[in-house]
Amino acid sequence: GRSALLALSSAPWVVYGFHGRLHLTPLSYEALEHASSFCSAQLAEGVVAVSGSSLRIFAPERLGETFNEQELQARYTPRRVCVHPPSKLLVVVEADHHAYGEDLKAR
């Protein structure tokens, strides 16, 4: 029942108030071209959006909680983060000066 703002760019973002503070949170969702508020008997508060040739209806839930986070232990110093276009996976490039892989250390 509270106001929020959905910002559309290469990735959608939602701006909302939570515990007296303003939060800007990226949605873990594909890029949206157009969006509007939506409600029905099945969905009290949601969003209807167009993504390519698809119509999407969704409701962001639990906005105050961490969304889609995963922690991984790095073996070396992270140097660069990029997206692998074919798989749309996030790739972290790690390296250290004079560091050798386990196979070279075993020789």
C-alpha atoms as a PDB file:
ATOM      1  CA  GLY A   1       0.000   0.000   0.000  1.00  0.00           C
ATOM      2  CA  ARG A   2       2.996   2.359  -0.183  1.00  0.00           C
ATOM      3  CA  SER A   3       4.342   4.341  -3.105  1.00  0.00           C
ATOM      4  CA  ALA A   4       7.382   3.146  -5.033  1.00  0.00           C
ATOM      5  CA  LEU A   5       9.124   4.016  -8.276  1.00  0.00           C
ATOM      6  CA  LEU A   6      10.216   1.546 -10.951  1.00  0.00           C
ATOM      7  CA  ALA A   7      13.139   2.848 -13.032  1.00  0.00           C
ATOM      8  CA  LEU A   8      13.745   1.161 -16.393  1.00  0.00           C
ATOM      9  CA  SER A   9      17.233   1.003 -17.901  1.00  0.00           C
ATOM     10  CA  SER A  10      19.393  -1.922 -19.059  1.00  0.00           C
ATOM     11  CA  ALA A  11      18.184  -3.493 -15.789  1.00  0.00           C
ATOM     12  CA  PRO A  12      15.074  -2.499 -13.789  1.00  0.00           C
ATOM     13  CA  TRP A  13      15.460  -0.735 -10.415  1.00  0.00           C
ATOM     14  CA  VAL A  14      12.896  -0.050  -7.714  1.00  0.00           C
ATOM     15  CA  VAL A  15      13.003   2.946  -5.349  1.00  0.00           C
ATOM     16  CA  TYR A  16      11.022   2.597  -2.122  1.00  0.00           C
ATOM     17  CA  GLY A  17      10.891   3.732   1.484  1.00  0.00           C
ATOM     18  CA  PHE A  18      11.777   1.204   4.199  1.00  0.00           C
ATOM     19  CA  HIS A  19      12.248   1.947   7.914  1.00  0.00           C
ATOM     20  CA  GLY A  20      12.266   5.678   7.251  1.00  0.00           C
ATOM     21  CA  ARG A  21      15.026   5.512   4.625  1.00  0.00           C
ATOM     22  CA  LEU A  22      14.909   5.666   0.840  1.00  0.00           C
ATOM     23  CA  HIS A  23      16.335   2.561  -0.883  1.00  0.00           C
ATOM     24  CA  LEU A  24      17.391   2.040  -4.520  1.00  0.00           C
ATOM     25  CA  THR A  25      17.467  -1.681  -5.338  1.00  0.00           C
ATOM     26  CA  PRO A  26      18.162  -3.453  -8.648  1.00  0.00           C
ATOM     27  CA  LEU A  27      15.644  -6.144  -9.539  1.00  0.00           C
ATOM     28  CA  SER A  28      17.069  -9.482 -10.588  1.00  0.00           C
ATOM     29  CA  TYR A  29      14.989  -9.438 -13.746  1.00  0.00           C
ATOM     30  CA  GLU A  30      15.523  -9.003 -17.469  1.00  0.00           C
ATOM     31  CA  ALA A  31      15.370  -5.551 -19.082  1.00  0.00           C
ATOM     32  CA  LEU A  32      11.858  -4.103 -19.345  1.00  0.00           C
ATOM     33  CA  GLU A  33      10.782  -1.696 -22.089  1.00  0.00           C
ATOM     34  CA  HIS A  34       7.482  -0.396 -20.628  1.00  0.00           C
ATOM     35  CA  ALA A  35       5.827  -0.885 -17.223  1.00  0.00           C
ATOM     36  CA  SER A  36       2.787   0.176 -15.217  1.00  0.00           C
ATOM     37  CA  SER A  37       1.197  -0.614 -11.865  1.00  0.00           C
ATOM     38  CA  PHE A  38      -1.210  -3.546 -11.898  1.00  0.00           C
ATOM     39  CA  CYS A  39      -3.772  -5.101  -9.569  1.00  0.00           C
ATOM     40  CA  SER A  40      -6.269  -7.930  -9.909  1.00  0.00           C
ATOM     41  CA  ALA A  41      -8.180 -10.388  -7.749  1.00  0.00           C
ATOM     42  CA  GLN A  42      -5.095 -12.649  -7.711  1.00  0.00           C
ATOM     43  CA  LEU A  43      -2.467  -9.906  -7.310  1.00  0.00           C
ATOM     44  CA  ALA A  44      -3.187  -7.000  -4.960  1.00  0.00           C
ATOM     45  CA  GLU A  45      -0.136  -4.916  -5.951  1.00  0.00           C
ATOM     46  CA  GLY A  46       2.082  -5.692  -8.907  1.00  0.00           C
ATOM     47  CA  VAL A  47       3.633  -4.554 -12.143  1.00  0.00           C
ATOM     48  CA  VAL A  48       2.670  -5.320 -15.725  1.00  0.00           C
ATOM     49  CA  ALA A  49       5.557  -4.858 -18.159  1.00  0.00           C
ATOM     50  CA  VAL A  50       6.681  -5.507 -21.725  1.00  0.00           C
ATOM     51  CA  SER A  51       9.993  -7.237 -22.384  1.00  0.00           C
ATOM     52  CA  GLY A  52      10.618  -7.856 -26.078  1.00  0.00           C
ATOM     53  CA  SER A  53       7.497  -9.619 -27.344  1.00  0.00           C
ATOM     54  CA  SER A  54       6.501 -10.880 -23.873  1.00  0.00           C
ATOM     55  CA  LEU A  55       4.023  -9.456 -21.387  1.00  0.00           C
ATOM     56  CA  ARG A  56       5.283  -9.859 -17.795  1.00  0.00           C
ATOM     57  CA  ILE A  57       3.203  -9.566 -14.624  1.00  0.00           C
ATOM     58  CA  PHE A  58       5.104  -9.708 -11.330  1.00  0.00           C
ATOM     59  CA  ALA A  59       5.120  -8.433  -7.757  1.00  0.00           C
ATOM     60  CA  PRO A  60       8.363  -7.496  -5.997  1.00  0.00           C
ATOM     61  CA  GLU A  61       8.163  -9.133  -2.569  1.00  0.00           C
ATOM     62  CA  ARG A  62      10.199  -8.723   0.622  1.00  0.00           C
ATOM     63  CA  LEU A  63      11.823  -5.478  -0.587  1.00  0.00           C
ATOM     64  CA  GLY A  64      13.669  -4.905   2.697  1.00  0.00           C
ATOM     65  CA  GLU A  65      15.550  -8.206   2.420  1.00  0.00           C
ATOM     66  CA  THR A  66      18.663  -9.083   0.443  1.00  0.00           C
ATOM     67  CA  PHE A  67      17.597 -10.279  -2.997  1.00  0.00           C
ATOM     68  CA  ASN A  68      19.465 -12.872  -5.028  1.00  0.00           C
ATOM     69  CA  GLU A  69      22.848 -12.735  -3.290  1.00  0.00           C
ATOM     70  CA  GLN A  70      25.503 -15.433  -3.338  1.00  0.00           C
ATOM     71  CA  GLU A  71      28.880 -15.307  -1.602  1.00  0.00           C
ATOM     72  CA  LEU A  72      31.856 -17.176  -3.082  1.00  0.00           C
ATOM     73  CA  GLN A  73      35.377 -17.505  -1.685  1.00  0.00           C
ATOM     74  CA  ALA A  74      37.994 -16.044  -4.049  1.00  0.00           C
ATOM     75  CA  ARG A  75      41.300 -17.945  -4.420  1.00  0.00           C
ATOM     76  CA  TYR A  76      43.146 -14.886  -5.736  1.00  0.00           C
ATOM     77  CA  THR A  77      42.599 -11.132  -5.813  1.00  0.00           C
ATOM     78  CA  PRO A  78      39.524 -10.223  -7.929  1.00  0.00           C
ATOM     79  CA  ARG A  79      40.739  -7.980 -10.766  1.00  0.00           C
ATOM     80  CA  ARG A  80      37.728  -7.550 -13.066  1.00  0.00           C
ATOM     81  CA  VAL A  81      34.030  -8.408 -13.245  1.00  0.00           C
ATOM     82  CA  CYS A  82      32.257  -8.814 -16.591  1.00  0.00           C
ATOM     83  CA  VAL A  83      29.237 -10.492 -18.139  1.00  0.00           C
ATOM     84  CA  HIS A  84      29.717 -13.448 -20.502  1.00  0.00           C
ATOM     85  CA  PRO A  85      27.224 -12.460 -23.281  1.00  0.00           C
ATOM     86  CA  PRO A  86      26.167 -15.911 -24.584  1.00  0.00           C
ATOM     87  CA  SER A  87      25.380 -17.329 -21.124  1.00  0.00           C
ATOM     88  CA  LYS A  88      24.622 -14.008 -19.353  1.00  0.00           C
ATOM     89  CA  LEU A  89      26.743 -15.229 -16.437  1.00  0.00           C
ATOM     90  CA  LEU A  90      28.831 -12.919 -14.267  1.00  0.00           C
ATOM     91  CA  VAL A  91      32.541 -13.721 -14.572  1.00  0.00           C
ATOM     92  CA  VAL A  92      35.116 -12.657 -11.956  1.00  0.00           C
ATOM     93  CA  VAL A  93      38.714 -12.585 -13.198  1.00  0.00           C
ATOM     94  CA  GLU A  94      41.181 -13.319 -10.391  1.00  0.00           C
ATOM     95  CA  ALA A  95      44.976 -12.986 -10.428  1.00  0.00           C
ATOM     96  CA  ASP A  96      47.917 -12.397  -8.132  1.00  0.00           C
ATOM     97  CA  HIS A  97      51.483 -11.379  -8.962  1.00  0.00           C
ATOM     98  CA  HIS A  98      53.731 -14.483  -9.211  1.00  0.00           C
ATOM     99  CA  ALA A  99      50.829 -16.824  -8.361  1.00  0.00           C
ATOM    100  CA  TYR A 100      50.715 -20.269  -9.903  1.00  0.00           C
ATOM    101  CA  GLY A 101      47.799 -22.665 -10.238  1.00  0.00           C
ATOM    102  CA  GLU A 102      47.646 -25.921  -8.258  1.00  0.00           C
ATOM    103  CA  ASP A 103      48.761 -27.974 -11.293  1.00  0.00           C
ATOM    104  CA  LEU A 104      51.979 -25.912 -11.704  1.00  0.00           C
ATOM    105  CA  LYS A 105      52.701 -26.000  -7.959  1.00  0.00           C
ATOM    106  CA  ALA A 106      52.507 -29.806  -7.973  1.00  0.00           C
ATOM    107  CA  ARG A 107      55.281 -30.099 -10.621  1.00  0.00           C
END
